[in-house]
Protein backbone atom coordinates (compact mmCIF):
# COMPACT_ATOMS: atom_id res chain seq x y z
CA MET A 1 0.06 0.25 -0.14
CA ARG A 2 1.05 3.53 -0.79
CA ASN A 3 0.89 6.44 1.38
CA GLY A 4 0.81 10.15 -0.05
CA MET A 5 0.28 11.36 -3.71
CA THR A 6 0.21 10.34 -6.83
CA PRO A 7 1.86 12.76 -9.53
CA LEU A 8 0.22 13.78 -12.49
CA PHE A 9 3.64 13.89 -14.62
CA THR A 10 6.50 11.96 -15.13
CA PHE A 11 10.17 12.85 -14.22
CA ASP A 12 10.97 13.61 -17.64
CA GLU A 13 8.09 15.94 -18.39
CA MET A 14 9.03 17.50 -15.30
CA GLU A 15 12.99 17.92 -16.54
CA ARG A 16 11.80 18.95 -20.18
CA TRP A 17 9.65 21.49 -17.95
CA PHE A 18 12.66 23.15 -16.44
CA GLU A 19 14.73 23.08 -19.42
CA HIS A 20 12.00 24.86 -20.87
CA PHE A 21 11.84 27.38 -18.69
CA GLN A 22 15.55 27.56 -18.35
CA SER A 23 15.99 28.43 -22.06
CA LYS A 24 13.42 31.16 -21.86
CA ALA A 25 15.50 32.64 -18.58
CA GLU A 26 18.53 32.29 -20.52
CA ASP A 27 17.28 34.26 -24.17
CA LYS A 28 15.61 37.02 -21.47
CA MET A 29 19.44 37.00 -20.05
CA LEU A 30 20.91 37.77 -23.28
CA VAL A 31 18.18 40.21 -24.72
CA PHE A 32 19.21 42.32 -21.05
CA LEU A 33 22.75 42.30 -22.07
CA GLN A 34 22.32 43.53 -25.29
CA ALA A 35 20.30 45.90 -24.50
CA GLY A 36 23.20 47.39 -21.90
CA GLY A 37 25.74 46.64 -24.51
CA GLU A 38 23.59 48.90 -26.77
CA LYS A 39 23.40 51.19 -24.21
CA PHE A 40 26.98 51.59 -23.59
CA ILE A 41 27.78 51.93 -27.27
CA GLU A 42 25.05 54.41 -28.36
CA VAL A 43 26.40 56.74 -25.41
CA ALA A 44 29.88 56.35 -26.49
CA ARG A 45 29.82 57.25 -29.85
CA ARG A 46 27.17 60.03 -29.06
CA SER A 47 29.12 61.36 -26.52
CA GLY A 48 32.79 61.12 -27.38
CA SER A 49 34.14 64.46 -27.06
CA TYR A 50 37.40 63.80 -29.15
CA LYS A 51 38.23 64.60 -32.58
CA ASP A 52 38.51 61.16 -34.25
CA GLN A 53 40.68 61.70 -37.72
CA THR A 54 41.21 58.08 -38.79
CA GLY A 55 37.96 56.88 -37.48
CA ASN A 56 39.64 54.10 -35.23
CA LEU A 57 38.73 55.30 -31.93
CA ARG A 58 34.90 55.13 -32.34
CA SER A 59 35.11 52.10 -34.82
CA SER A 60 36.98 50.49 -31.85
CA ILE A 61 33.66 50.88 -29.15
CA GLY A 62 31.66 47.92 -29.08
CA TYR A 63 30.73 44.91 -26.90
CA ILE A 64 30.76 41.48 -26.69
CA ILE A 65 28.86 39.09 -24.79
CA ALA A 66 30.11 35.22 -24.29
CA LYS A 67 28.41 32.71 -22.24
CA ASN A 68 30.57 30.22 -20.84
CA GLY A 69 33.98 31.46 -22.80
CA LYS A 70 32.09 31.00 -26.10
CA VAL A 71 31.04 34.91 -27.98
CA VAL A 72 27.10 34.25 -27.99
CA ALA A 73 26.65 38.29 -29.74
CA GLU A 74 28.30 41.22 -30.38
CA ASN A 75 28.02 44.82 -31.99
CA PHE A 76 31.43 46.40 -33.38
CA THR A 77 30.77 48.63 -36.67
CA GLU A 78 32.96 51.44 -38.22
CA SER A 79 33.12 54.97 -37.87
CA GLU A 80 31.01 57.11 -40.19
CA LYS A 81 34.38 59.03 -40.42
CA GLY A 82 37.82 59.02 -40.72
CA THR A 83 40.46 57.41 -43.12
CA ASP A 84 41.04 53.70 -41.41
CA LYS A 85 38.21 52.48 -39.54
CA THR A 86 38.87 48.98 -40.33
CA THR A 87 41.97 48.75 -37.68
CA GLY A 88 39.50 50.49 -34.90
CA LYS A 89 36.99 47.92 -35.39
CA TYR A 90 39.62 44.98 -35.37
CA LYS A 91 41.31 46.04 -32.08
CA GLY A 92 38.53 46.50 -30.43
CA ARG A 93 36.59 43.43 -31.23
CA ARG A 94 39.65 41.32 -30.64
CA LEU A 95 40.32 43.21 -27.27
CA ALA A 96 36.71 42.43 -26.17
CA GLU A 97 37.10 38.53 -27.19
CA GLU A 98 40.20 38.17 -25.46
CA VAL A 99 38.75 39.74 -22.26
CA SER A 100 35.12 37.62 -22.76
CA LEU A 101 37.08 34.45 -23.44
CA SER A 102 39.23 34.67 -20.06
CA HIS A 103 35.62 34.56 -18.06
CA SER A 104 34.23 30.97 -18.25
CA GLY A 105 31.58 30.90 -15.61
CA GLY A 106 28.42 32.13 -17.24
CA TYR A 107 27.47 35.40 -19.18
CA VAL A 108 29.89 38.24 -19.79
CA LEU A 109 29.18 41.48 -21.14
CA VAL A 110 32.62 43.27 -22.38
CA GLY A 111 32.25 46.42 -23.53
CA VAL A 112 35.61 48.40 -24.83
CA ALA A 113 36.89 51.39 -26.59
CA GLY A 114 39.93 49.15 -28.74
CA MET A 115 42.64 51.31 -29.39
CA GLU A 116 45.40 51.32 -27.28
CA TYR A 117 45.39 55.31 -26.17
CA ALA A 118 41.77 55.11 -25.19
CA ALA A 119 42.73 55.72 -21.72
CA SER A 120 44.98 58.62 -23.07
CA VAL A 121 42.65 60.54 -24.46
CA GLU A 122 40.14 60.16 -21.36
CA ALA A 123 42.95 61.20 -19.35
CA LYS A 124 43.30 64.58 -21.60
CA GLY A 125 40.09 65.09 -20.51
CA TYR A 126 37.99 64.09 -23.34
CA GLU A 127 34.87 61.65 -23.06
CA VAL A 128 35.47 58.30 -24.71
CA VAL A 129 34.24 55.44 -22.87
CA SER A 130 33.76 56.41 -19.19
CA GLY A 131 30.55 57.93 -18.94
CA ALA A 132 29.07 54.97 -21.05
CA ASN A 133 30.08 52.69 -19.05
CA THR A 134 28.43 54.49 -16.04
CA GLN A 135 25.32 55.05 -18.26
CA CYS A 136 25.39 51.17 -19.02
CA GLU A 137 25.99 50.09 -15.49
CA LYS A 138 22.87 51.95 -14.23
CA TYR A 139 20.39 50.82 -16.96
CA LEU A 140 21.52 47.25 -15.97
CA ARG A 141 20.87 47.80 -12.04
CA ASP A 142 18.19 49.51 -12.72
CA THR A 143 16.43 47.28 -14.82
CA LEU A 144 17.63 44.58 -12.35
CA LYS A 145 16.01 46.29 -9.65
CA SER A 146 12.72 46.06 -11.80
CA VAL A 147 12.55 42.78 -12.40
CA PHE A 148 13.31 41.78 -8.66
CA ARG A 149 10.26 44.18 -7.66
CA LYS A 150 8.30 42.47 -9.94
CA ILE A 151 8.82 39.10 -8.61
């Protein structure tokens, strides 16, 4: 004789439901991180207060999202102005990929200005990505707070 309740589902059905739930959650996480990355590049490209003659610095601004060390999304585009925009795009993507691949646990969003002189341009008082980083972090934090309040 059995005591207790009789399940209305099998273990396999329950496992499939959890996998479906996890897949949906991961899809939402990717969309969330992409929105943060897009906020980062929008602000960085718009508010860059430096004169970018070659186009390399603005072209090196972008982001990569990796999951468990594998790139799953990215956005690097060449600047509209400049004489050599390809180098910046290449260096920015390479730097972001390098950083993202060193992170092997779950998702990571890496936003960069990939030219080696980006920090010295900011040190001279020009805006490159510091403000964009701050606004991206605020956007992600506020969005997460909003989601957790709803739960």
